[in-house]
Amino acid sequence: MSADTADFAPAPFWLRAFRWWLAQVRHTLPAVVFFFISFNLILFTKQAVLHEQGIPFSGFLVATLAALLVGKAVLITDHMPFMRRFEGAPLIQPILFKSAIYWAVTFVVRIVDIFVTYAREGGAPGDFLQYLADNFSWQRFLMIQLWLMVLFMIYVTIHELGTLFGGGELPRLFFRWRSSEAKLTRRQRIRLLARLSHLTEKHDLAEFRDASTPVHAELVQIVTQLATRPKGA
């Protein structure tokens, strides 16, 4: 086998499987971390209230498992083609749409998880609906679903803003850039992006390509200002 052929030889199956698994973990990790922190904050509040009444309560393991469950639901849902239905629309549309889809998928996943637990404990599958009607705490279940909807909207909003800015821009805005070091303030940057959007809506590609037009000069000016990075970037 020549060196050129060896360079293009497919990677071993175990390596491709590991890379695929690692990609899924990276995709799921933000949702798991976000909901792990959120659920534990909710449980901490609940624990503080119950502690005043002298009722012991601990739910760290429950919060961890719930975060993993939501991460699994997000992973399944994100691979569905219809999740990109509102790409390019005003942000409120993909935020509400994706939050509703995540909520519905989580609802189904939680019901399936309850069924698995019920069957493992010896329950007859045919009696599952009767079990839900007679013995299941729907009030608690729906309360959690309500909180999930709120948390999904927060999570999707952050995710959509991160996708909109792209290139790690959002983390830099929150954790790295200092207002004293920024050559271009955040408000100016947003205004420039809006100005660029309006410019592309009013003029065609031929005008941008013609270096003698004022439109071309304005485009170059906007792109130059947008390309200016703070010192800490």
C-alpha atoms as a PDB file:
ATOM      1  CA  MET A   1       0.000   0.000   0.000  1.00  0.00           C
ATOM      2  CA  SER A   2       1.447   3.371  -0.977  1.00  0.00           C
ATOM      3  CA  ALA A   3       1.749   6.352   1.343  1.00  0.00           C
ATOM      4  CA  ASP A   4      -0.950   8.232  -0.596  1.00  0.00           C
ATOM      5  CA  THR A   5      -3.363   5.325  -0.259  1.00  0.00           C
ATOM      6  CA  ALA A   6      -2.622   5.040   3.458  1.00  0.00           C
ATOM      7  CA  ASP A   7      -3.422   8.729   3.954  1.00  0.00           C
ATOM      8  CA  PHE A   8      -6.935   8.240   2.557  1.00  0.00           C
ATOM      9  CA  ALA A   9      -7.622   4.898   4.276  1.00  0.00           C
ATOM     10  CA  PRO A  10     -10.756   5.017   6.459  1.00  0.00           C
ATOM     11  CA  ALA A  11     -10.212   5.299  10.184  1.00  0.00           C
ATOM     12  CA  PRO A  12     -10.826   2.169  12.282  1.00  0.00           C
ATOM     13  CA  PHE A  13     -14.418   1.557  13.310  1.00  0.00           C
ATOM     14  CA  TRP A  14     -13.707   2.076  17.010  1.00  0.00           C
ATOM     15  CA  LEU A  15     -12.134   5.482  16.259  1.00  0.00           C
ATOM     16  CA  ARG A  16     -15.082   6.589  14.103  1.00  0.00           C
ATOM     17  CA  ALA A  17     -17.492   5.383  16.790  1.00  0.00           C
ATOM     18  CA  PHE A  18     -15.560   7.299  19.467  1.00  0.00           C
ATOM     19  CA  ARG A  19     -15.562  10.490  17.371  1.00  0.00           C
ATOM     20  CA  TRP A  20     -19.305  10.141  16.820  1.00  0.00           C
ATOM     21  CA  TRP A  21     -19.891   9.598  20.547  1.00  0.00           C
ATOM     22  CA  LEU A  22     -17.685  12.593  21.408  1.00  0.00           C
ATOM     23  CA  ALA A  23     -19.635  14.804  18.985  1.00  0.00           C
ATOM     24  CA  GLN A  24     -22.918  13.777  20.645  1.00  0.00           C
ATOM     25  CA  VAL A  25     -21.507  14.504  24.099  1.00  0.00           C
ATOM     26  CA  ARG A  26     -20.332  17.966  23.019  1.00  0.00           C
ATOM     27  CA  HIS A  27     -23.732  18.654  21.507  1.00  0.00           C
ATOM     28  CA  THR A  28     -25.599  17.548  24.630  1.00  0.00           C
ATOM     29  CA  LEU A  29     -23.262  18.973  27.273  1.00  0.00           C
ATOM     30  CA  PRO A  30     -24.506  22.620  27.235  1.00  0.00           C
ATOM     31  CA  ALA A  31     -28.117  21.508  27.774  1.00  0.00           C
ATOM     32  CA  VAL A  32     -27.126  19.040  30.515  1.00  0.00           C
ATOM     33  CA  VAL A  33     -25.038  21.637  32.379  1.00  0.00           C
ATOM     34  CA  PHE A  34     -27.723  24.324  32.038  1.00  0.00           C
ATOM     35  CA  PHE A  35     -30.545  22.098  33.303  1.00  0.00           C
ATOM     36  CA  PHE A  36     -28.368  20.500  35.991  1.00  0.00           C
ATOM     37  CA  ILE A  37     -27.723  23.939  37.493  1.00  0.00           C
ATOM     38  CA  SER A  38     -31.348  25.046  36.993  1.00  0.00           C
ATOM     39  CA  PHE A  39     -32.859  21.914  38.554  1.00  0.00           C
ATOM     40  CA  ASN A  40     -30.557  22.083  41.542  1.00  0.00           C
ATOM     41  CA  LEU A  41     -31.497  25.737  42.115  1.00  0.00           C
ATOM     42  CA  ILE A  42     -35.165  24.738  42.078  1.00  0.00           C
ATOM     43  CA  LEU A  43     -34.515  21.805  44.406  1.00  0.00           C
ATOM     44  CA  PHE A  44     -32.462  24.014  46.732  1.00  0.00           C
ATOM     45  CA  THR A  45     -35.417  26.405  46.982  1.00  0.00           C
ATOM     46  CA  LYS A  46     -37.763  23.489  47.651  1.00  0.00           C
ATOM     47  CA  GLN A  47     -35.383  22.083  50.246  1.00  0.00           C
ATOM     48  CA  ALA A  48     -35.207  25.440  52.055  1.00  0.00           C
ATOM     49  CA  VAL A  49     -39.020  25.674  52.216  1.00  0.00           C
ATOM     50  CA  LEU A  50     -39.407  22.089  53.467  1.00  0.00           C
ATOM     51  CA  HIS A  51     -36.609  22.582  56.003  1.00  0.00           C
ATOM     52  CA  GLU A  52     -38.635  25.340  57.665  1.00  0.00           C
ATOM     53  CA  GLN A  53     -41.431  22.811  58.120  1.00  0.00           C
ATOM     54  CA  GLY A  54     -39.048  20.218  59.542  1.00  0.00           C
ATOM     55  CA  ILE A  55     -39.374  17.943  56.502  1.00  0.00           C
ATOM     56  CA  PRO A  56     -36.103  16.358  55.299  1.00  0.00           C
ATOM     57  CA  PHE A  57     -35.549  16.466  51.544  1.00  0.00           C
ATOM     58  CA  SER A  58     -32.678  15.686  49.217  1.00  0.00           C
ATOM     59  CA  GLY A  59     -32.914  15.538  45.439  1.00  0.00           C
ATOM     60  CA  PHE A  60     -29.396  15.960  44.016  1.00  0.00           C
ATOM     61  CA  LEU A  61     -29.506  12.580  42.270  1.00  0.00           C
ATOM     62  CA  VAL A  62     -32.984  13.333  40.922  1.00  0.00           C
ATOM     63  CA  ALA A  63     -31.760  16.655  39.485  1.00  0.00           C
ATOM     64  CA  THR A  64     -28.774  14.951  37.858  1.00  0.00           C
ATOM     65  CA  LEU A  65     -30.907  12.244  36.265  1.00  0.00           C
ATOM     66  CA  ALA A  66     -33.472  14.837  35.141  1.00  0.00           C
ATOM     67  CA  ALA A  67     -30.730  16.932  33.504  1.00  0.00           C
ATOM     68  CA  LEU A  68     -29.432  13.861  31.661  1.00  0.00           C
ATOM     69  CA  LEU A  69     -32.985  13.038  30.587  1.00  0.00           C
ATOM     70  CA  VAL A  70     -33.522  16.536  29.185  1.00  0.00           C
ATOM     71  CA  GLY A  71     -30.125  16.399  27.469  1.00  0.00           C
ATOM     72  CA  LYS A  72     -31.187  13.161  25.796  1.00  0.00           C
ATOM     73  CA  ALA A  73     -34.435  14.778  24.640  1.00  0.00           C
ATOM     74  CA  VAL A  74     -32.537  17.762  23.207  1.00  0.00           C
ATOM     75  CA  LEU A  75     -30.123  15.445  21.383  1.00  0.00           C
ATOM     76  CA  ILE A  76     -32.975  13.458  19.819  1.00  0.00           C
ATOM     77  CA  THR A  77     -34.905  16.563  18.825  1.00  0.00           C
ATOM     78  CA  ASP A  78     -32.003  18.499  17.300  1.00  0.00           C
ATOM     79  CA  HIS A  79     -31.457  15.735  14.722  1.00  0.00           C
ATOM     80  CA  MET A  80     -34.981  16.180  13.349  1.00  0.00           C
ATOM     81  CA  PRO A  81     -35.056  18.142  10.034  1.00  0.00           C
ATOM     82  CA  PHE A  82     -38.142  20.195  10.921  1.00  0.00           C
ATOM     83  CA  MET A  83     -36.229  21.888  13.772  1.00  0.00           C
ATOM     84  CA  ARG A  84     -34.712  24.200  11.119  1.00  0.00           C
ATOM     85  CA  ARG A  85     -38.133  25.295   9.892  1.00  0.00           C
ATOM     86  CA  PHE A  86     -37.903  28.876  11.195  1.00  0.00           C
ATOM     87  CA  GLU A  87     -34.261  29.588  10.362  1.00  0.00           C
ATOM     88  CA  GLY A  88     -33.970  33.184   9.178  1.00  0.00           C
ATOM     89  CA  ALA A  89     -37.262  34.210  10.808  1.00  0.00           C
ATOM     90  CA  PRO A  90     -37.474  36.743  13.686  1.00  0.00           C
ATOM     91  CA  LEU A  91     -35.926  35.172  16.770  1.00  0.00           C
ATOM     92  CA  ILE A  92     -39.209  34.893  18.660  1.00  0.00           C
ATOM     93  CA  GLN A  93     -40.461  32.298  16.146  1.00  0.00           C
ATOM     94  CA  PRO A  94     -37.617  29.729  16.425  1.00  0.00           C
ATOM     95  CA  ILE A  95     -37.448  30.321  20.194  1.00  0.00           C
ATOM     96  CA  LEU A  96     -41.137  29.540  20.749  1.00  0.00           C
ATOM     97  CA  PHE A  97     -41.153  26.723  18.182  1.00  0.00           C
ATOM     98  CA  LYS A  98     -38.075  24.930  19.504  1.00  0.00           C
ATOM     99  CA  SER A  99     -39.133  25.418  23.130  1.00  0.00           C
ATOM    100  CA  ALA A 100     -42.516  23.848  22.367  1.00  0.00           C
ATOM    101  CA  ILE A 101     -40.909  20.922  20.526  1.00  0.00           C
ATOM    102  CA  TYR A 102     -38.386  20.328  23.333  1.00  0.00           C
ATOM    103  CA  TRP A 103     -41.245  20.481  25.846  1.00  0.00           C
ATOM    104  CA  ALA A 104     -43.338  17.949  23.913  1.00  0.00           C
ATOM    105  CA  VAL A 105     -40.418  15.557  23.407  1.00  0.00           C
ATOM    106  CA  THR A 106     -39.497  15.800  27.090  1.00  0.00           C
ATOM    107  CA  PHE A 107     -43.133  15.077  27.979  1.00  0.00           C
ATOM    108  CA  VAL A 108     -43.060  11.875  25.915  1.00  0.00           C
ATOM    109  CA  VAL A 109     -39.607  10.844  27.184  1.00  0.00           C
ATOM    110  CA  ARG A 110     -40.722  11.300  30.807  1.00  0.00           C
ATOM    111  CA  ILE A 111     -43.864   9.210  30.220  1.00  0.00           C
ATOM    112  CA  VAL A 112     -41.754   6.479  28.603  1.00  0.00           C
ATOM    113  CA  ASP A 113     -39.332   6.619  31.541  1.00  0.00           C
ATOM    114  CA  ILE A 114     -42.249   6.217  33.962  1.00  0.00           C
ATOM    115  CA  PHE A 115     -43.522   3.250  31.922  1.00  0.00           C
ATOM    116  CA  VAL A 116     -40.096   1.574  32.021  1.00  0.00           C
ATOM    117  CA  THR A 117     -39.938   2.004  35.806  1.00  0.00           C
ATOM    118  CA  TYR A 118     -43.511   0.718  36.141  1.00  0.00           C
ATOM    119  CA  ALA A 119     -42.775  -2.383  34.011  1.00  0.00           C
ATOM    120  CA  ARG A 120     -39.501  -3.059  35.851  1.00  0.00           C
ATOM    121  CA  GLU A 121     -41.371  -3.131  39.152  1.00  0.00           C
ATOM    122  CA  GLY A 122     -43.668  -5.846  37.819  1.00  0.00           C
ATOM    123  CA  GLY A 123     -46.590  -3.813  36.518  1.00  0.00           C
ATOM    124  CA  ALA A 124     -48.612  -5.181  33.614  1.00  0.00           C
ATOM    125  CA  PRO A 125     -48.230  -3.044  30.463  1.00  0.00           C
ATOM    126  CA  GLY A 126     -51.971  -3.245  29.826  1.00  0.00           C
ATOM    127  CA  ASP A 127     -52.691  -1.621  33.206  1.00  0.00           C
ATOM    128  CA  PHE A 128     -50.322   1.311  32.706  1.00  0.00           C
ATOM    129  CA  LEU A 129     -53.018   3.817  31.702  1.00  0.00           C
ATOM    130  CA  GLN A 130     -55.090   2.832  34.720  1.00  0.00           C
ATOM    131  CA  TYR A 131     -52.001   3.293  36.895  1.00  0.00           C
ATOM    132  CA  LEU A 132     -51.545   6.806  35.513  1.00  0.00           C
ATOM    133  CA  ALA A 133     -55.194   7.624  36.171  1.00  0.00           C
ATOM    134  CA  ASP A 134     -55.368   6.225  39.732  1.00  0.00           C
ATOM    135  CA  ASN A 135     -51.927   6.411  41.331  1.00  0.00           C
ATOM    136  CA  PHE A 136     -49.821   8.885  39.369  1.00  0.00           C
ATOM    137  CA  SER A 137     -49.241  12.451  40.655  1.00  0.00           C
ATOM    138  CA  TRP A 138     -50.202  14.500  37.602  1.00  0.00           C
ATOM    139  CA  GLN A 139     -50.033  17.716  39.600  1.00  0.00           C
ATOM    140  CA  ARG A 140     -46.341  17.213  40.329  1.00  0.00           C
ATOM    141  CA  PHE A 141     -45.670  15.993  36.782  1.00  0.00           C
ATOM    142  CA  LEU A 142     -47.296  19.050  35.179  1.00  0.00           C
ATOM    143  CA  MET A 143     -45.610  21.412  37.624  1.00  0.00           C
ATOM    144  CA  ILE A 144     -42.246  20.090  36.482  1.00  0.00           C
ATOM    145  CA  GLN A 145     -43.351  20.395  32.854  1.00  0.00           C
ATOM    146  CA  LEU A 146     -44.282  24.036  33.473  1.00  0.00           C
ATOM    147  CA  TRP A 147     -40.826  24.761  34.852  1.00  0.00           C
ATOM    148  CA  LEU A 148     -39.309  22.897  31.916  1.00  0.00           C
ATOM    149  CA  MET A 149     -41.122  25.184  29.483  1.00  0.00           C
ATOM    150  CA  VAL A 150     -39.722  28.270  31.206  1.00  0.00           C
ATOM    151  CA  LEU A 151     -36.217  26.804  31.297  1.00  0.00           C
ATOM    152  CA  PHE A 152     -36.420  25.681  27.670  1.00  0.00           C
ATOM    153  CA  MET A 153     -37.308  29.216  26.593  1.00  0.00           C
ATOM    154  CA  ILE A 154     -34.293  30.598  28.475  1.00  0.00           C
ATOM    155  CA  TYR A 155     -32.000  27.900  27.078  1.00  0.00           C
ATOM    156  CA  VAL A 156     -33.210  28.285  23.478  1.00  0.00           C
ATOM    157  CA  THR A 157     -32.934  32.091  23.684  1.00  0.00           C
ATOM    158  CA  ILE A 158     -29.297  31.835  24.782  1.00  0.00           C
ATOM    159  CA  HIS A 159     -28.599  29.184  22.133  1.00  0.00           C
ATOM    160  CA  GLU A 160     -30.204  31.234  19.339  1.00  0.00           C
ATOM    161  CA  LEU A 161     -28.309  34.372  20.330  1.00  0.00           C
ATOM    162  CA  GLY A 162     -25.062  32.379  20.386  1.00  0.00           C
ATOM    163  CA  THR A 163     -25.826  31.014  16.918  1.00  0.00           C
ATOM    164  CA  LEU A 164     -26.730  34.488  15.652  1.00  0.00           C
ATOM    165  CA  PHE A 165     -23.500  36.087  16.858  1.00  0.00           C
ATOM    166  CA  GLY A 166     -21.445  32.991  15.983  1.00  0.00           C
ATOM    167  CA  GLY A 167     -17.751  32.322  16.434  1.00  0.00           C
ATOM    168  CA  GLY A 168     -17.809  32.420  20.239  1.00  0.00           C
ATOM    169  CA  GLU A 169     -18.916  36.055  20.162  1.00  0.00           C
ATOM    170  CA  LEU A 170     -21.449  35.702  22.974  1.00  0.00           C
ATOM    171  CA  PRO A 171     -18.995  34.176  25.501  1.00  0.00           C
ATOM    172  CA  ARG A 172     -16.510  36.944  24.644  1.00  0.00           C
ATOM    173  CA  LEU A 173     -19.174  39.582  25.300  1.00  0.00           C
ATOM    174  CA  PHE A 174     -19.921  38.099  28.722  1.00  0.00           C
ATOM    175  CA  PHE A 175     -16.529  36.868  29.942  1.00  0.00           C
ATOM    176  CA  ARG A 176     -13.619  38.423  28.011  1.00  0.00           C
ATOM    177  CA  TRP A 177     -14.299  41.891  26.649  1.00  0.00           C
ATOM    178  CA  ARG A 178     -13.970  44.906  28.895  1.00  0.00           C
ATOM    179  CA  SER A 179     -15.778  48.090  27.975  1.00  0.00           C
ATOM    180  CA  SER A 180     -12.570  50.083  28.454  1.00  0.00           C
ATOM    181  CA  GLU A 181     -10.690  47.870  25.991  1.00  0.00           C
ATOM    182  CA  ALA A 182     -13.382  47.566  23.324  1.00  0.00           C
ATOM    183  CA  LYS A 183     -12.650  49.527  20.145  1.00  0.00           C
ATOM    184  CA  LEU A 184     -16.263  49.087  19.183  1.00  0.00           C
ATOM    185  CA  THR A 185     -19.011  49.078  21.782  1.00  0.00           C
ATOM    186  CA  ARG A 186     -21.674  46.425  21.745  1.00  0.00           C
ATOM    187  CA  ARG A 187     -24.382  48.949  20.882  1.00  0.00           C
ATOM    188  CA  GLN A 188     -22.352  50.274  17.950  1.00  0.00           C
ATOM    189  CA  ARG A 189     -21.756  46.740  16.722  1.00  0.00           C
ATOM    190  CA  ILE A 190     -25.461  45.893  16.769  1.00  0.00           C
ATOM    191  CA  ARG A 191     -26.227  49.128  14.924  1.00  0.00           C
ATOM    192  CA  LEU A 192     -23.619  48.292  12.291  1.00  0.00           C
ATOM    193  CA  LEU A 193     -25.128  44.834  11.767  1.00  0.00           C
ATOM    194  CA  ALA A 194     -28.583  46.394  11.380  1.00  0.00           C
ATOM    195  CA  ARG A 195     -27.162  48.962   8.955  1.00  0.00           C
ATOM    196  CA  LEU A 196     -25.512  46.185   6.937  1.00  0.00           C
ATOM    197  CA  SER A 197     -28.777  44.254   6.830  1.00  0.00           C
ATOM    198  CA  HIS A 198     -30.702  47.279   5.537  1.00  0.00           C
ATOM    199  CA  LEU A 199     -27.985  47.945   2.960  1.00  0.00           C
ATOM    200  CA  THR A 200     -28.191  44.423   1.529  1.00  0.00           C
ATOM    201  CA  GLU A 201     -31.987  44.669   1.332  1.00  0.00           C
ATOM    202  CA  LYS A 202     -31.948  47.910  -0.696  1.00  0.00           C
ATOM    203  CA  HIS A 203     -29.110  47.193  -3.171  1.00  0.00           C
ATOM    204  CA  ASP A 204     -28.192  44.309  -5.462  1.00  0.00           C
ATOM    205  CA  LEU A 205     -24.905  42.427  -5.786  1.00  0.00           C
ATOM    206  CA  ALA A 206     -23.757  44.368  -8.861  1.00  0.00           C
ATOM    207  CA  GLU A 207     -23.710  47.638  -6.905  1.00  0.00           C
ATOM    208  CA  PHE A 208     -21.608  46.090  -4.150  1.00  0.00           C
ATOM    209  CA  ARG A 209     -19.090  44.755  -6.674  1.00  0.00           C
ATOM    210  CA  ASP A 210     -18.643  48.122  -8.396  1.00  0.00           C
ATOM    211  CA  ALA A 211     -15.844  49.834  -6.495  1.00  0.00           C
ATOM    212  CA  SER A 212     -16.870  53.249  -7.833  1.00  0.00           C
ATOM    213  CA  THR A 213     -20.321  53.267  -6.167  1.00  0.00           C
ATOM    214  CA  PRO A 214     -21.082  54.852  -2.775  1.00  0.00           C
ATOM    215  CA  VAL A 215     -22.738  51.571  -1.782  1.00  0.00           C
ATOM    216  CA  HIS A 216     -19.437  49.715  -2.187  1.00  0.00           C
ATOM    217  CA  ALA A 217     -17.609  52.328  -0.126  1.00  0.00           C
ATOM    218  CA  GLU A 218     -20.218  52.102   2.630  1.00  0.00           C
ATOM    219  CA  LEU A 219     -19.994  48.299   2.613  1.00  0.00           C
ATOM    220  CA  VAL A 220     -16.211  48.403   2.980  1.00  0.00           C
ATOM    221  CA  GLN A 221     -16.528  50.898   5.825  1.00  0.00           C
ATOM    222  CA  ILE A 222     -19.045  48.729   7.714  1.00  0.00           C
ATOM    223  CA  VAL A 223     -17.047  45.515   7.225  1.00  0.00           C
ATOM    224  CA  THR A 224     -13.842  47.268   8.330  1.00  0.00           C
ATOM    225  CA  GLN A 225     -15.491  48.479  11.527  1.00  0.00           C
ATOM    226  CA  LEU A 226     -17.021  45.058  12.201  1.00  0.00           C
ATOM    227  CA  ALA A 227     -13.633  43.396  11.663  1.00  0.00           C
ATOM    228  CA  THR A 228     -12.060  45.600  14.361  1.00  0.00           C
ATOM    229  CA  ARG A 229     -11.681  43.417  17.445  1.00  0.00           C
ATOM    230  CA  PRO A 230     -11.152  44.432  21.062  1.00  0.00           C
ATOM    231  CA  LYS A 231      -7.674  43.802  22.457  1.00  0.00           C
ATOM    232  CA  GLY A 232      -8.884  40.877  24.530  1.00  0.00           C
ATOM    233  CA  ALA A 233     -10.525  39.053  21.628  1.00  0.00           C
END
